[in-house]
């Protein structure tokens, strides 16, 4: 841009966005006048040449547009350990994260680059694309009943990540308006088992209610794509099937981990690989709250059956051990003879063993006399 002034020069400092400037002063040529003796020289003309090139990176512009078109605004309700764990990966995929919890996590959220809202009304007025439930199983219904759904867009996608599936599914169908989409999911890993990588870890999901509109289908796929891109093993199954399988895997795993923790399993200088596996099991389960374990038991109708089967299996092993012990003990006492004595004395010994102690029945008088 070329500027000229007959009276003053242009101050480049008044334009801080300009990159550089060049200044050139030239005298104007003498004009032709009829009477040169009465003419005066014009003031000098100063010309400033300013380069105002603006930075523009077309590739960055395209990248930003792509990120905006593929990103989701995800609001997490329940910003505890698991909610924080998931949010870090969501952020890495360039999604906008909002959070709400009964505990004030404002400081932590600010460190992560997450907007925290203590009031759910303020959170819902941000109109998130996805509302992610990461609450405890026990508090889910209470929290769900208090949420101001009227402040959300009518087609908001509701997602849960609870460890049981039929329970939140039924709650969502009961309390959510018909226009809301429902996706029930269970990342079958946690902050411990998924701290290094999610590759190969199972992610179970059930598209309970997703609208037919292309935008709603794509939104659901974008959310699932986060876990797929992290390398999770994506497993689509009904909530009923999930709870059936989870009772036989997750609940039993937590039960054995808590049992061994109560047993006070400790490391030793001669640990075997199998023993190390048991120690790792205790380490992975002891970090979870008892409320989680109780929720797995209370809100999965298959859990009680698995607990009873565990109890029966333990009793069966005890009977096998004591049965073998009875045979060995009988042979040491009586050898291969004394069939009559076996018939009369062994039931008494068996009764003593079953009561928890080895009680030696009294010998008859003939045996005491040595005859």
Protein backbone atom coordinates (compact mmCIF):
# COMPACT_ATOMS: atom_id res chain seq x y z
CA UNK A 1 0.00 0.00 0.00
CA UNK A 2 1.40 3.42 -0.99
CA UNK A 3 0.62 6.49 1.09
CA UNK A 4 1.64 10.10 0.39
CA UNK A 5 1.36 13.23 2.46
CA UNK A 6 2.58 16.76 1.90
CA UNK A 7 2.57 17.73 5.56
CA UNK A 8 3.52 14.74 7.77
CA UNK A 9 4.83 11.22 7.61
CA UNK A 10 2.89 8.08 8.58
CA UNK A 11 3.89 6.62 11.94
CA UNK A 12 4.37 2.85 11.53
CA UNK A 13 4.08 2.32 15.30
CA UNK A 14 0.37 3.12 15.11
CA UNK A 15 -0.03 -0.06 13.04
CA UNK A 16 1.51 -2.81 15.21
CA UNK A 17 0.19 -5.58 12.97
CA UNK A 18 2.31 -4.42 10.02
CA UNK A 19 5.50 -6.35 9.49
CA UNK A 20 7.91 -3.61 8.28
CA UNK A 21 7.99 -0.27 6.50
CA UNK A 22 10.24 1.76 4.20
CA UNK A 23 10.39 5.55 4.20
CA UNK A 24 11.51 7.69 1.25
CA UNK A 25 11.61 11.50 1.09
CA UNK A 26 11.74 13.21 -2.32
CA UNK A 27 11.52 16.89 -3.24
CA UNK A 28 8.74 17.76 -5.66
CA UNK A 29 9.83 19.14 -9.02
CA UNK A 30 9.49 22.87 -9.58
CA UNK A 31 6.21 23.68 -11.28
CA UNK A 32 6.09 26.02 -14.28
CA UNK A 33 4.77 29.39 -13.16
CA UNK A 34 4.61 32.69 -15.07
CA UNK A 35 6.46 34.64 -12.43
CA UNK A 36 9.18 32.48 -10.83
CA UNK A 37 10.40 35.27 -8.63
CA UNK A 38 7.14 35.27 -6.64
CA UNK A 39 6.81 31.48 -6.30
CA UNK A 40 7.88 29.40 -3.29
CA UNK A 41 8.96 25.81 -3.09
CA UNK A 42 6.38 23.23 -2.17
CA UNK A 43 7.11 21.25 1.03
CA UNK A 44 8.87 17.95 0.49
CA UNK A 45 6.74 14.89 -0.19
CA UNK A 46 7.35 11.85 2.06
CA UNK A 47 6.36 8.40 0.78
CA UNK A 48 5.95 5.44 3.12
CA UNK A 49 5.80 1.94 1.66
CA UNK A 50 4.26 -0.54 4.06
CA UNK A 51 4.20 -4.32 3.60
CA UNK A 52 0.96 -5.56 5.22
CA UNK A 53 1.17 -9.25 4.36
CA UNK A 54 -1.07 -11.29 6.71
CA UNK A 55 -0.08 -14.79 7.85
CA UNK A 56 -2.37 -17.51 6.46
CA UNK A 57 -1.72 -21.25 6.65
CA UNK A 58 -4.24 -22.96 4.40
CA UNK A 59 -3.33 -26.44 5.64
CA UNK A 60 -3.90 -25.44 9.27
CA UNK A 61 -7.18 -23.86 8.26
CA UNK A 62 -8.33 -27.10 6.63
CA UNK A 63 -7.18 -29.13 9.64
CA UNK A 64 -9.12 -26.92 12.05
CA UNK A 65 -12.23 -27.17 9.91
CA UNK A 66 -11.92 -30.97 9.85
CA UNK A 67 -11.49 -31.16 13.63
CA UNK A 68 -14.55 -28.98 14.15
CA UNK A 69 -16.62 -31.13 11.82
CA UNK A 70 -15.64 -34.38 13.57
CA UNK A 71 -15.53 -33.24 17.20
CA UNK A 72 -18.27 -33.73 19.76
CA UNK A 73 -19.27 -31.68 22.76
CA UNK A 74 -19.39 -34.30 25.51
CA UNK A 75 -20.82 -33.52 28.95
CA UNK A 76 -19.74 -35.97 31.68
CA UNK A 77 -22.10 -36.37 34.64
CA UNK A 78 -20.08 -37.95 37.44
CA UNK A 79 -16.49 -36.69 37.21
CA UNK A 80 -14.89 -39.21 39.55
CA UNK A 81 -11.91 -41.45 38.79
CA UNK A 82 -13.48 -43.18 35.81
CA UNK A 83 -14.93 -39.99 34.34
CA UNK A 84 -11.53 -38.31 34.57
CA UNK A 85 -9.89 -41.38 33.05
CA UNK A 86 -12.19 -41.28 30.00
CA UNK A 87 -12.00 -37.50 29.59
CA UNK A 88 -8.24 -37.54 29.00
CA UNK A 89 -8.66 -39.77 25.97
CA UNK A 90 -11.63 -37.75 24.71
CA UNK A 91 -9.49 -34.61 24.82
CA UNK A 92 -6.74 -36.33 22.88
CA UNK A 93 -9.27 -36.88 20.10
CA UNK A 94 -10.01 -33.10 20.02
CA UNK A 95 -13.48 -33.31 21.58
CA UNK A 96 -14.84 -30.53 23.79
CA UNK A 97 -15.40 -31.81 27.32
CA UNK A 98 -17.74 -30.41 29.96
CA UNK A 99 -18.21 -31.92 33.41
CA UNK A 100 -20.56 -31.94 36.39
CA UNK A 101 -20.26 -33.77 39.70
CA UNK A 102 -21.48 -33.50 43.28
CA UNK A 103 -17.86 -32.98 44.33
CA UNK A 104 -16.24 -29.74 43.16
CA UNK A 105 -13.50 -30.64 40.66
CA UNK A 106 -13.04 -27.13 39.26
CA UNK A 107 -9.28 -27.02 39.88
CA UNK A 108 -8.59 -30.41 38.32
CA UNK A 109 -10.88 -29.69 35.38
CA UNK A 110 -9.08 -26.43 34.66
CA UNK A 111 -5.74 -28.24 34.61
CA UNK A 112 -7.11 -30.68 32.03
CA UNK A 113 -8.73 -27.97 29.90
CA UNK A 114 -12.28 -29.00 30.85
CA UNK A 115 -15.15 -26.69 31.76
CA UNK A 116 -16.65 -27.72 35.11
CA UNK A 117 -20.19 -26.80 36.13
CA UNK A 118 -21.43 -27.26 39.69
CA UNK A 119 -25.01 -26.58 38.59
CA UNK A 120 -26.48 -29.04 36.05
CA UNK A 121 -28.70 -26.24 34.69
CA UNK A 122 -25.60 -24.35 33.55
CA UNK A 123 -24.14 -27.52 32.07
CA UNK A 124 -27.25 -28.39 30.08
CA UNK A 125 -27.55 -24.86 28.70
CA UNK A 126 -24.29 -25.53 26.83
CA UNK A 127 -26.31 -27.95 24.66
CA UNK A 128 -23.84 -30.88 24.56
CA UNK A 129 -24.07 -33.42 21.75
CA UNK A 130 -23.52 -36.31 24.16
CA UNK A 131 -24.42 -36.65 27.83
CA UNK A 132 -22.21 -39.32 29.39
CA UNK A 133 -23.30 -40.92 32.68
CA UNK A 134 -20.29 -42.00 34.74
CA UNK A 135 -21.99 -42.04 38.13
CA UNK A 136 -21.94 -44.84 40.68
CA UNK A 137 -24.51 -47.57 40.09
CA UNK A 138 -26.20 -46.84 43.42
CA UNK A 139 -26.71 -43.11 42.76
CA UNK A 140 -27.76 -43.27 39.10
CA UNK A 141 -31.52 -43.16 39.56
CA UNK A 142 -31.41 -40.38 42.16
CA UNK A 143 -29.25 -38.17 39.92
CA UNK A 144 -31.27 -38.94 36.81
CA UNK A 145 -34.50 -37.84 38.47
CA UNK A 146 -33.06 -34.39 39.29
CA UNK A 147 -31.65 -33.43 35.89
CA UNK A 148 -33.26 -30.52 33.96
CA UNK A 149 -33.86 -32.32 30.65
CA UNK A 150 -35.87 -29.36 29.33
CA UNK A 151 -32.64 -27.37 28.92
CA UNK A 152 -31.15 -29.88 26.47
CA UNK A 153 -31.71 -30.21 22.76
CA UNK A 154 -34.46 -32.72 22.16
CA UNK A 155 -32.29 -35.22 20.29
CA UNK A 156 -29.38 -35.34 22.76
CA UNK A 157 -27.52 -38.66 22.92
CA UNK A 158 -27.47 -40.23 26.39
CA UNK A 159 -24.65 -42.70 27.07
CA UNK A 160 -23.86 -44.67 30.21
CA UNK A 161 -20.64 -46.48 31.11
CA UNK A 162 -21.93 -48.42 34.11
CA UNK A 163 -20.74 -51.95 34.85
CA UNK A 164 -24.28 -53.33 34.68
CA UNK A 165 -26.44 -52.75 31.64
CA UNK A 166 -30.09 -53.72 32.11
CA UNK A 167 -30.43 -51.41 35.11
CA UNK A 168 -29.40 -48.13 33.36
CA UNK A 169 -31.22 -49.19 30.18
CA UNK A 170 -34.49 -49.50 32.07
CA UNK A 171 -33.89 -46.19 33.87
CA UNK A 172 -33.20 -44.33 30.63
CA UNK A 173 -36.32 -45.75 29.01
CA UNK A 174 -38.34 -44.80 32.08
CA UNK A 175 -37.14 -41.22 32.67
CA UNK A 176 -35.81 -39.84 29.37
CA UNK A 177 -38.11 -38.14 26.85
CA UNK A 178 -38.84 -40.14 23.71
CA UNK A 179 -36.78 -37.83 21.49
CA UNK A 180 -33.50 -38.58 23.28
CA UNK A 181 -31.13 -41.19 21.86
CA UNK A 182 -29.86 -43.96 24.16
CA UNK A 183 -26.55 -45.83 23.89
CA UNK A 184 -25.66 -48.25 26.69
CA UNK A 185 -21.94 -49.05 26.87
CA UNK A 186 -19.45 -50.77 29.13
CA UNK A 187 -15.71 -50.21 28.67
CA UNK A 188 -14.55 -53.43 30.33
CA UNK A 189 -11.39 -51.85 31.69
CA UNK A 190 -10.50 -49.10 34.11
CA UNK A 191 -7.76 -46.68 35.14
CA UNK A 192 -5.50 -49.56 36.19
CA UNK A 193 -5.99 -52.07 33.38
CA UNK A 194 -6.19 -49.35 30.72
CA UNK A 195 -3.52 -46.95 31.93
CA UNK A 196 -1.01 -47.78 29.18
CA UNK A 197 -3.22 -48.74 26.24
CA UNK A 198 -6.79 -49.67 25.32
CA UNK A 199 -5.69 -51.86 22.43
CA UNK A 200 -7.44 -55.23 22.49
CA UNK A 201 -9.59 -54.38 25.53
CA UNK A 202 -13.31 -55.18 25.12
CA UNK A 203 -15.85 -52.39 24.72
CA UNK A 204 -19.47 -53.60 24.88
CA UNK A 205 -22.31 -51.46 23.53
CA UNK A 206 -26.03 -51.67 22.78
CA UNK A 207 -27.75 -49.10 20.53
CA UNK A 208 -30.95 -49.07 22.55
CA UNK A 209 -32.58 -46.14 20.74
CA UNK A 210 -30.92 -44.14 17.96
CA UNK A 211 -32.94 -41.89 15.64
CA UNK A 212 -33.05 -42.54 11.90
CA UNK A 213 -31.71 -39.11 10.92
CA UNK A 214 -28.27 -39.25 9.34
CA UNK A 215 -26.87 -36.70 11.80
CA UNK A 216 -27.93 -38.79 14.80
CA UNK A 217 -26.52 -41.99 13.35
CA UNK A 218 -23.21 -40.24 12.59
CA UNK A 219 -23.07 -38.77 16.09
CA UNK A 220 -23.41 -42.22 17.63
CA UNK A 221 -20.74 -43.58 15.29
CA UNK A 222 -18.39 -40.69 16.18
CA UNK A 223 -18.66 -41.53 19.85
CA UNK A 224 -18.07 -45.24 19.29
CA UNK A 225 -15.22 -44.29 16.96
CA UNK A 226 -13.23 -42.91 19.91
CA UNK A 227 -12.91 -46.39 21.39
CA UNK A 228 -12.50 -48.07 18.03
CA UNK A 229 -9.62 -45.74 17.11
CA UNK A 230 -7.98 -46.53 20.45
CA UNK A 231 -7.87 -50.19 19.41
CA UNK A 232 -10.67 -51.52 21.61
CA UNK A 233 -12.31 -54.82 20.68
CA UNK A 234 -15.81 -53.61 19.83
CA UNK A 235 -18.55 -56.02 20.95
CA UNK A 236 -22.18 -55.24 20.17
CA UNK A 237 -24.64 -57.21 22.30
CA UNK A 238 -27.88 -56.69 24.17
CA UNK A 239 -27.88 -55.44 27.75
CA UNK A 240 -29.40 -58.74 28.87
CA UNK A 241 -26.61 -60.76 27.27
CA UNK A 242 -23.99 -58.47 28.79
CA UNK A 243 -25.29 -58.94 32.33
CA UNK A 244 -25.39 -62.70 31.90
CA UNK A 245 -21.75 -62.85 30.79
CA UNK A 246 -20.56 -60.12 33.18
CA UNK A 247 -21.91 -61.98 36.21
CA UNK A 248 -19.74 -64.93 35.26
CA UNK A 249 -16.64 -62.86 34.57
CA UNK A 250 -16.58 -59.42 36.16
CA UNK A 251 -18.51 -60.23 39.35
CA UNK A 252 -16.57 -63.45 39.92
CA UNK A 253 -13.30 -61.60 39.30
CA UNK A 254 -14.16 -58.91 41.84
CA UNK A 255 -15.32 -61.55 44.32
CA UNK A 256 -12.09 -63.53 44.11
CA UNK A 257 -10.02 -60.34 44.30
CA UNK A 258 -11.80 -59.23 47.46
CA UNK A 259 -11.62 -62.72 48.93
CA UNK A 260 -7.86 -62.85 48.43
CA UNK A 261 -7.52 -59.32 49.81
CA UNK A 262 -9.33 -60.44 52.99
CA UNK A 263 -7.01 -63.45 53.02
CA UNK A 264 -4.13 -60.91 53.10
CA UNK A 265 -2.23 -62.43 50.23
CA UNK A 266 1.39 -61.22 50.30
CA UNK A 267 4.34 -61.39 47.95
CA UNK A 268 7.20 -63.75 48.74
CA UNK A 269 10.79 -64.32 47.50
CA UNK A 270 9.66 -67.45 45.63
CA UNK A 271 6.57 -66.19 43.79
CA UNK A 272 5.42 -68.35 40.89
CA UNK A 273 3.76 -66.88 37.81
CA UNK A 274 0.41 -68.18 39.01
CA UNK A 275 0.90 -66.51 42.38
CA UNK A 276 1.90 -63.27 40.67
CA UNK A 277 -1.37 -63.45 38.74
CA UNK A 278 -3.29 -63.65 42.01
CA UNK A 279 -1.36 -60.69 43.42
CA UNK A 280 -2.15 -58.68 40.29
CA UNK A 281 -5.81 -59.59 40.66
CA UNK A 282 -5.86 -58.21 44.19
CA UNK A 283 -4.06 -55.07 43.01
CA UNK A 284 -6.56 -54.49 40.19
CA UNK A 285 -9.68 -54.95 42.33
CA UNK A 286 -8.75 -53.34 45.63
CA UNK A 287 -8.78 -49.88 44.09
CA UNK A 288 -12.50 -50.16 43.31
CA UNK A 289 -14.98 -49.04 45.94
CA UNK A 290 -17.22 -51.46 47.78
CA UNK A 291 -20.18 -49.51 46.36
CA UNK A 292 -19.13 -50.65 42.89
CA UNK A 293 -18.88 -54.26 44.03
CA UNK A 294 -22.22 -54.03 45.82
CA UNK A 295 -23.76 -52.52 42.69
CA UNK A 296 -22.48 -55.44 40.61
CA UNK A 297 -24.22 -57.77 43.06
CA UNK A 298 -27.41 -55.79 43.67
CA UNK A 299 -28.24 -54.67 40.13
CA UNK A 300 -27.31 -57.77 38.15
CA UNK A 301 -29.91 -60.46 38.62
CA UNK A 302 -27.37 -63.13 37.66
CA UNK A 303 -24.87 -62.24 40.40
CA UNK A 304 -26.57 -64.12 43.26
CA UNK A 305 -26.54 -67.33 41.25
CA UNK A 306 -22.81 -66.94 40.62
CA UNK A 307 -22.15 -66.29 44.31
CA UNK A 308 -24.04 -69.46 45.25
CA UNK A 309 -22.13 -71.45 42.64
CA UNK A 310 -18.84 -70.18 44.08
CA UNK A 311 -19.93 -71.25 47.55
CA UNK A 312 -20.99 -74.70 46.30
CA UNK A 313 -17.70 -75.11 44.43
CA UNK A 314 -15.70 -74.28 47.56
CA UNK A 315 -17.70 -76.76 49.64
CA UNK A 316 -17.22 -79.42 46.97
CA UNK A 317 -13.44 -78.95 47.07
CA UNK A 318 -13.46 -79.23 50.87
CA UNK A 319 -15.42 -82.49 50.67
CA UNK A 320 -12.99 -83.91 48.12
CA UNK A 321 -10.04 -83.06 50.38
CA UNK A 322 -11.62 -84.42 53.54
CA UNK A 323 -12.84 -87.53 51.73
CA UNK A 324 -9.29 -88.37 50.67
CA UNK A 325 -8.04 -87.59 54.16
CA UNK A 326 -10.57 -89.99 55.69
CA UNK A 327 -9.33 -92.84 53.55
CA UNK A 328 -5.66 -92.22 54.40
CA UNK A 329 -6.38 -91.85 58.10
CA UNK A 330 -8.44 -95.07 58.18
CA UNK A 331 -5.73 -97.12 56.50
CA UNK A 332 -3.10 -95.85 58.93
CA UNK A 333 -5.27 -96.88 61.88
CA UNK A 334 -6.67 -100.17 60.73
CA UNK A 335 -4.70 -101.35 57.74
CA UNK A 336 -6.54 -103.87 55.58
CA UNK A 337 -8.06 -105.84 58.54
CA UNK A 338 -10.71 -105.08 61.13
CA UNK A 339 -13.73 -104.93 58.85
CA UNK A 340 -16.10 -104.83 61.81
CA UNK A 341 -14.15 -102.03 63.42
CA UNK A 342 -14.23 -100.10 60.14
CA UNK A 343 -17.98 -100.32 60.01
CA UNK A 344 -18.48 -99.09 63.56
CA UNK A 345 -15.65 -96.63 64.06
CA UNK A 346 -15.33 -94.91 60.66
CA UNK A 347 -18.78 -93.24 60.72
CA UNK A 348 -17.82 -91.77 64.10
CA UNK A 349 -14.52 -90.47 62.73
CA UNK A 350 -16.28 -89.10 59.66
CA UNK A 351 -18.71 -87.28 61.91
CA UNK A 352 -15.81 -85.77 63.84
CA UNK A 353 -14.11 -84.59 60.64
CA UNK A 354 -17.27 -83.05 59.27
CA UNK A 355 -17.62 -81.08 62.51
CA UNK A 356 -14.25 -79.52 61.89
CA UNK A 357 -11.92 -81.60 64.10
CA UNK A 358 -10.41 -85.04 64.26
CA UNK A 359 -12.06 -86.64 67.29
CA UNK A 360 -10.77 -90.07 68.16
CA UNK A 361 -13.67 -92.23 69.42
CA UNK A 362 -12.89 -94.10 72.65
CA UNK A 363 -11.55 -97.62 72.32
CA UNK A 364 -13.67 -100.43 73.77
CA UNK A 365 -12.56 -102.23 76.92
CA UNK A 366 -11.18 -105.18 75.03
CA UNK A 367 -8.89 -102.95 72.98
CA UNK A 368 -7.82 -100.96 76.05
CA UNK A 369 -6.80 -104.22 77.81
CA UNK A 370 -4.65 -105.13 74.86
CA UNK A 371 -6.62 -108.31 74.10
